[in-house]
N, C-alpha and C. Protein backbone atom coordinates (compact mmCIF):
# COMPACT_ATOMS: atom_id res chain seq x y z
N UNK A 1 -9.72 8.59 -33.95
CA UNK A 1 -8.51 8.07 -33.37
C UNK A 1 -8.69 7.94 -31.86
N UNK A 2 -8.27 6.79 -31.30
CA UNK A 2 -8.36 6.57 -29.86
C UNK A 2 -7.35 7.44 -29.14
N UNK A 3 -7.81 7.99 -28.05
CA UNK A 3 -6.94 8.83 -27.23
C UNK A 3 -6.24 7.95 -26.18
N UNK A 4 -4.95 8.13 -26.03
CA UNK A 4 -4.19 7.36 -25.05
C UNK A 4 -4.49 7.86 -23.63
N UNK A 5 -4.65 6.92 -22.71
CA UNK A 5 -4.90 7.27 -21.31
C UNK A 5 -3.56 7.45 -20.60
N UNK A 6 -3.43 8.54 -19.87
CA UNK A 6 -2.23 8.78 -19.05
C UNK A 6 -2.57 8.37 -17.61
N UNK A 7 -1.63 7.69 -16.97
CA UNK A 7 -1.84 7.17 -15.62
C UNK A 7 -0.90 7.83 -14.62
N UNK A 8 -1.33 7.82 -13.36
CA UNK A 8 -0.42 8.14 -12.26
C UNK A 8 -0.42 6.93 -11.34
N UNK A 9 0.68 6.74 -10.64
CA UNK A 9 0.86 5.54 -9.84
C UNK A 9 1.17 5.89 -8.39
N UNK A 10 0.79 4.97 -7.49
CA UNK A 10 1.07 5.12 -6.07
C UNK A 10 1.38 3.74 -5.50
N UNK A 11 1.89 3.74 -4.30
CA UNK A 11 2.28 2.50 -3.64
C UNK A 11 1.81 2.53 -2.19
N UNK A 12 1.13 1.46 -1.77
CA UNK A 12 0.75 1.27 -0.37
C UNK A 12 1.61 0.15 0.18
N UNK A 13 2.31 0.41 1.28
CA UNK A 13 3.17 -0.60 1.89
C UNK A 13 2.65 -0.92 3.30
N UNK A 14 2.38 -2.21 3.51
CA UNK A 14 1.98 -2.70 4.84
C UNK A 14 3.19 -3.43 5.41
N UNK A 15 3.60 -3.01 6.60
CA UNK A 15 4.76 -3.63 7.24
C UNK A 15 4.32 -4.19 8.60
N UNK A 16 4.58 -5.48 8.78
CA UNK A 16 4.30 -6.17 10.04
C UNK A 16 5.63 -6.57 10.63
N UNK A 17 5.88 -6.14 11.84
CA UNK A 17 7.10 -6.53 12.54
C UNK A 17 6.70 -7.04 13.91
N UNK A 18 7.16 -8.22 14.25
CA UNK A 18 6.78 -8.75 15.54
C UNK A 18 7.64 -9.88 16.00
N UNK A 19 7.53 -10.14 17.28
CA UNK A 19 8.21 -11.27 17.90
C UNK A 19 7.32 -11.71 19.06
N UNK A 20 6.84 -12.94 18.99
CA UNK A 20 5.93 -13.41 20.04
C UNK A 20 4.64 -12.61 20.02
N UNK A 21 4.26 -12.11 21.18
CA UNK A 21 3.01 -11.34 21.27
C UNK A 21 3.20 -9.84 21.00
N UNK A 22 4.44 -9.44 20.84
CA UNK A 22 4.72 -8.03 20.56
C UNK A 22 4.83 -7.83 19.05
N UNK A 23 3.95 -7.04 18.49
CA UNK A 23 4.00 -6.79 17.06
C UNK A 23 3.51 -5.38 16.76
N UNK A 24 3.88 -4.90 15.60
CA UNK A 24 3.49 -3.57 15.15
C UNK A 24 3.17 -3.64 13.66
N UNK A 25 2.03 -3.09 13.27
CA UNK A 25 1.64 -3.03 11.87
C UNK A 25 1.57 -1.57 11.47
N UNK A 26 2.19 -1.24 10.35
CA UNK A 26 2.12 0.14 9.87
C UNK A 26 1.79 0.14 8.38
N UNK A 27 1.21 1.25 7.93
CA UNK A 27 0.87 1.44 6.52
C UNK A 27 1.46 2.77 6.06
N UNK A 28 2.20 2.74 4.97
CA UNK A 28 2.80 3.94 4.40
C UNK A 28 2.28 4.11 2.97
N UNK A 29 1.87 5.33 2.62
CA UNK A 29 1.38 5.66 1.29
C UNK A 29 2.44 6.48 0.57
N UNK A 30 2.86 5.99 -0.59
CA UNK A 30 3.81 6.70 -1.43
C UNK A 30 3.02 7.27 -2.60
N UNK A 31 2.80 8.58 -2.58
CA UNK A 31 1.96 9.22 -3.59
C UNK A 31 2.68 9.46 -4.90
N UNK A 32 1.91 9.75 -5.94
CA UNK A 32 2.48 9.92 -7.28
C UNK A 32 3.44 11.10 -7.39
N UNK A 33 3.32 12.06 -6.49
CA UNK A 33 4.19 13.23 -6.54
C UNK A 33 5.46 13.04 -5.71
N UNK A 34 5.63 11.84 -5.15
CA UNK A 34 6.84 11.54 -4.39
C UNK A 34 6.68 11.66 -2.88
N UNK A 35 5.47 11.91 -2.42
CA UNK A 35 5.26 12.04 -0.98
C UNK A 35 5.31 10.68 -0.29
N UNK A 36 5.58 10.72 1.01
CA UNK A 36 5.58 9.52 1.85
C UNK A 36 4.79 9.87 3.10
N UNK A 37 3.64 9.18 3.31
CA UNK A 37 2.74 9.52 4.40
C UNK A 37 2.39 8.29 5.21
N UNK A 38 2.54 8.38 6.52
CA UNK A 38 2.12 7.30 7.41
C UNK A 38 0.60 7.39 7.56
N UNK A 39 -0.12 6.39 7.03
CA UNK A 39 -1.59 6.41 7.08
C UNK A 39 -2.13 5.32 8.00
N UNK A 40 -1.30 4.83 8.91
CA UNK A 40 -1.69 3.76 9.81
C UNK A 40 -2.97 4.08 10.57
N UNK A 41 -3.14 5.31 10.96
CA UNK A 41 -4.30 5.71 11.76
C UNK A 41 -5.62 5.58 11.02
N UNK A 42 -5.59 5.47 9.69
CA UNK A 42 -6.82 5.40 8.91
C UNK A 42 -7.45 4.01 8.87
N UNK A 43 -6.78 2.99 9.39
CA UNK A 43 -7.34 1.64 9.40
C UNK A 43 -6.31 0.63 9.82
N UNK A 44 -6.78 -0.54 10.26
CA UNK A 44 -5.84 -1.55 10.74
C UNK A 44 -5.73 -2.75 9.82
N UNK A 45 -6.35 -2.69 8.62
CA UNK A 45 -6.22 -3.78 7.66
C UNK A 45 -5.90 -3.21 6.28
N UNK A 46 -5.25 -4.03 5.46
CA UNK A 46 -4.94 -3.62 4.09
C UNK A 46 -6.23 -3.35 3.32
N UNK A 47 -7.27 -4.16 3.57
CA UNK A 47 -8.54 -3.98 2.86
C UNK A 47 -9.13 -2.60 3.14
N UNK A 48 -9.06 -2.15 4.39
CA UNK A 48 -9.57 -0.81 4.73
C UNK A 48 -8.84 0.26 3.93
N UNK A 49 -7.53 0.12 3.81
CA UNK A 49 -6.74 1.11 3.08
C UNK A 49 -6.99 1.02 1.58
N UNK A 50 -7.11 -0.20 1.05
CA UNK A 50 -7.37 -0.36 -0.38
C UNK A 50 -8.77 0.17 -0.75
N UNK A 51 -9.75 -0.06 0.10
CA UNK A 51 -11.10 0.48 -0.15
C UNK A 51 -11.10 2.00 -0.11
N UNK A 52 -10.35 2.56 0.81
CA UNK A 52 -10.23 4.03 0.90
C UNK A 52 -9.61 4.58 -0.39
N UNK A 53 -8.53 3.93 -0.85
CA UNK A 53 -7.88 4.36 -2.09
C UNK A 53 -8.82 4.18 -3.28
N UNK A 54 -9.58 3.10 -3.30
CA UNK A 54 -10.54 2.86 -4.37
C UNK A 54 -11.59 3.94 -4.47
N UNK A 55 -12.03 4.46 -3.33
CA UNK A 55 -13.01 5.56 -3.34
C UNK A 55 -12.41 6.84 -3.92
N UNK A 56 -11.07 6.91 -3.94
CA UNK A 56 -10.39 8.08 -4.51
C UNK A 56 -9.96 7.82 -5.96
N UNK A 57 -10.47 6.72 -6.55
CA UNK A 57 -10.21 6.45 -7.95
C UNK A 57 -9.02 5.55 -8.24
N UNK A 58 -8.36 5.03 -7.19
CA UNK A 58 -7.19 4.17 -7.38
C UNK A 58 -7.62 2.75 -7.65
N UNK A 59 -6.91 2.07 -8.55
CA UNK A 59 -7.15 0.68 -8.89
C UNK A 59 -5.90 -0.13 -8.56
N UNK A 60 -6.10 -1.29 -7.91
CA UNK A 60 -4.98 -2.17 -7.58
C UNK A 60 -4.46 -2.81 -8.85
N UNK A 61 -3.16 -2.69 -9.09
CA UNK A 61 -2.52 -3.24 -10.28
C UNK A 61 -1.80 -4.55 -9.94
N UNK A 62 -1.07 -4.56 -8.83
CA UNK A 62 -0.36 -5.76 -8.42
C UNK A 62 -0.06 -5.71 -6.92
N UNK A 63 0.27 -6.86 -6.39
CA UNK A 63 0.64 -6.95 -4.97
C UNK A 63 1.84 -7.90 -4.86
N UNK A 64 2.72 -7.60 -3.92
CA UNK A 64 3.90 -8.43 -3.68
C UNK A 64 4.11 -8.55 -2.18
N UNK A 65 4.72 -9.66 -1.77
CA UNK A 65 4.93 -9.93 -0.35
C UNK A 65 6.36 -10.41 -0.13
N UNK A 66 7.00 -9.87 0.91
CA UNK A 66 8.31 -10.34 1.37
C UNK A 66 8.14 -10.79 2.81
N UNK A 67 8.58 -11.99 3.12
CA UNK A 67 8.47 -12.52 4.48
C UNK A 67 9.84 -13.00 4.94
N UNK A 68 10.22 -12.60 6.16
CA UNK A 68 11.47 -13.05 6.76
C UNK A 68 11.13 -13.58 8.15
N UNK A 69 11.22 -14.88 8.32
CA UNK A 69 10.88 -15.48 9.60
C UNK A 69 12.10 -16.02 10.35
N UNK A 70 13.29 -15.52 10.04
CA UNK A 70 14.51 -16.03 10.67
C UNK A 70 14.56 -15.65 12.14
N UNK A 71 14.56 -14.37 12.43
CA UNK A 71 14.56 -13.91 13.82
C UNK A 71 13.32 -13.06 14.01
N UNK A 72 12.35 -13.60 14.73
CA UNK A 72 11.08 -12.90 14.84
C UNK A 72 10.34 -13.01 13.52
N UNK A 73 9.59 -12.02 13.20
CA UNK A 73 8.82 -12.08 11.97
C UNK A 73 8.71 -10.69 11.37
N UNK A 74 8.98 -10.61 10.08
CA UNK A 74 8.81 -9.37 9.35
C UNK A 74 8.09 -9.69 8.06
N UNK A 75 7.03 -8.98 7.79
CA UNK A 75 6.29 -9.12 6.54
C UNK A 75 6.16 -7.74 5.92
N UNK A 76 6.40 -7.66 4.64
CA UNK A 76 6.18 -6.41 3.91
C UNK A 76 5.30 -6.74 2.71
N UNK A 77 4.17 -6.09 2.64
CA UNK A 77 3.26 -6.25 1.51
C UNK A 77 3.25 -4.93 0.74
N UNK A 78 3.43 -5.03 -0.57
CA UNK A 78 3.41 -3.84 -1.42
C UNK A 78 2.22 -3.92 -2.36
N UNK A 79 1.40 -2.88 -2.36
CA UNK A 79 0.23 -2.80 -3.22
C UNK A 79 0.46 -1.65 -4.21
N UNK A 80 0.58 -1.99 -5.48
CA UNK A 80 0.81 -1.00 -6.53
C UNK A 80 -0.55 -0.60 -7.10
N UNK A 81 -0.79 0.72 -7.17
CA UNK A 81 -2.07 1.22 -7.63
C UNK A 81 -1.89 2.24 -8.75
N UNK A 82 -2.95 2.40 -9.53
CA UNK A 82 -2.91 3.41 -10.60
C UNK A 82 -4.30 4.04 -10.72
N UNK A 83 -4.32 5.23 -11.31
CA UNK A 83 -5.58 5.88 -11.66
C UNK A 83 -5.31 6.82 -12.83
N UNK A 84 -6.32 7.07 -13.65
CA UNK A 84 -6.12 7.96 -14.80
C UNK A 84 -5.84 9.39 -14.33
N UNK A 85 -4.94 10.05 -15.02
CA UNK A 85 -4.70 11.46 -14.73
C UNK A 85 -5.92 12.25 -15.16
N UNK A 86 -6.28 13.21 -14.35
CA UNK A 86 -7.46 14.02 -14.67
C UNK A 86 -7.20 14.98 -15.82
């Protein structure tokens, strides 16, 4: 009989806020246990953060983007990840 795989999930959120030449990019990690951690210092691109998560066994499941360009610019990218429970 095949054994069912149990998963845990996490979320990486990249937020870009800017107007003209002034902008700020931040990365927040929402862990499977409910934690919220600012991981901006670990890299300045989503790829750097996704590769770091991949080395810890996380797999990208989906990505979503919200963009609001009405006043200034705001972009929010959400990266949903999963990995098997140990």
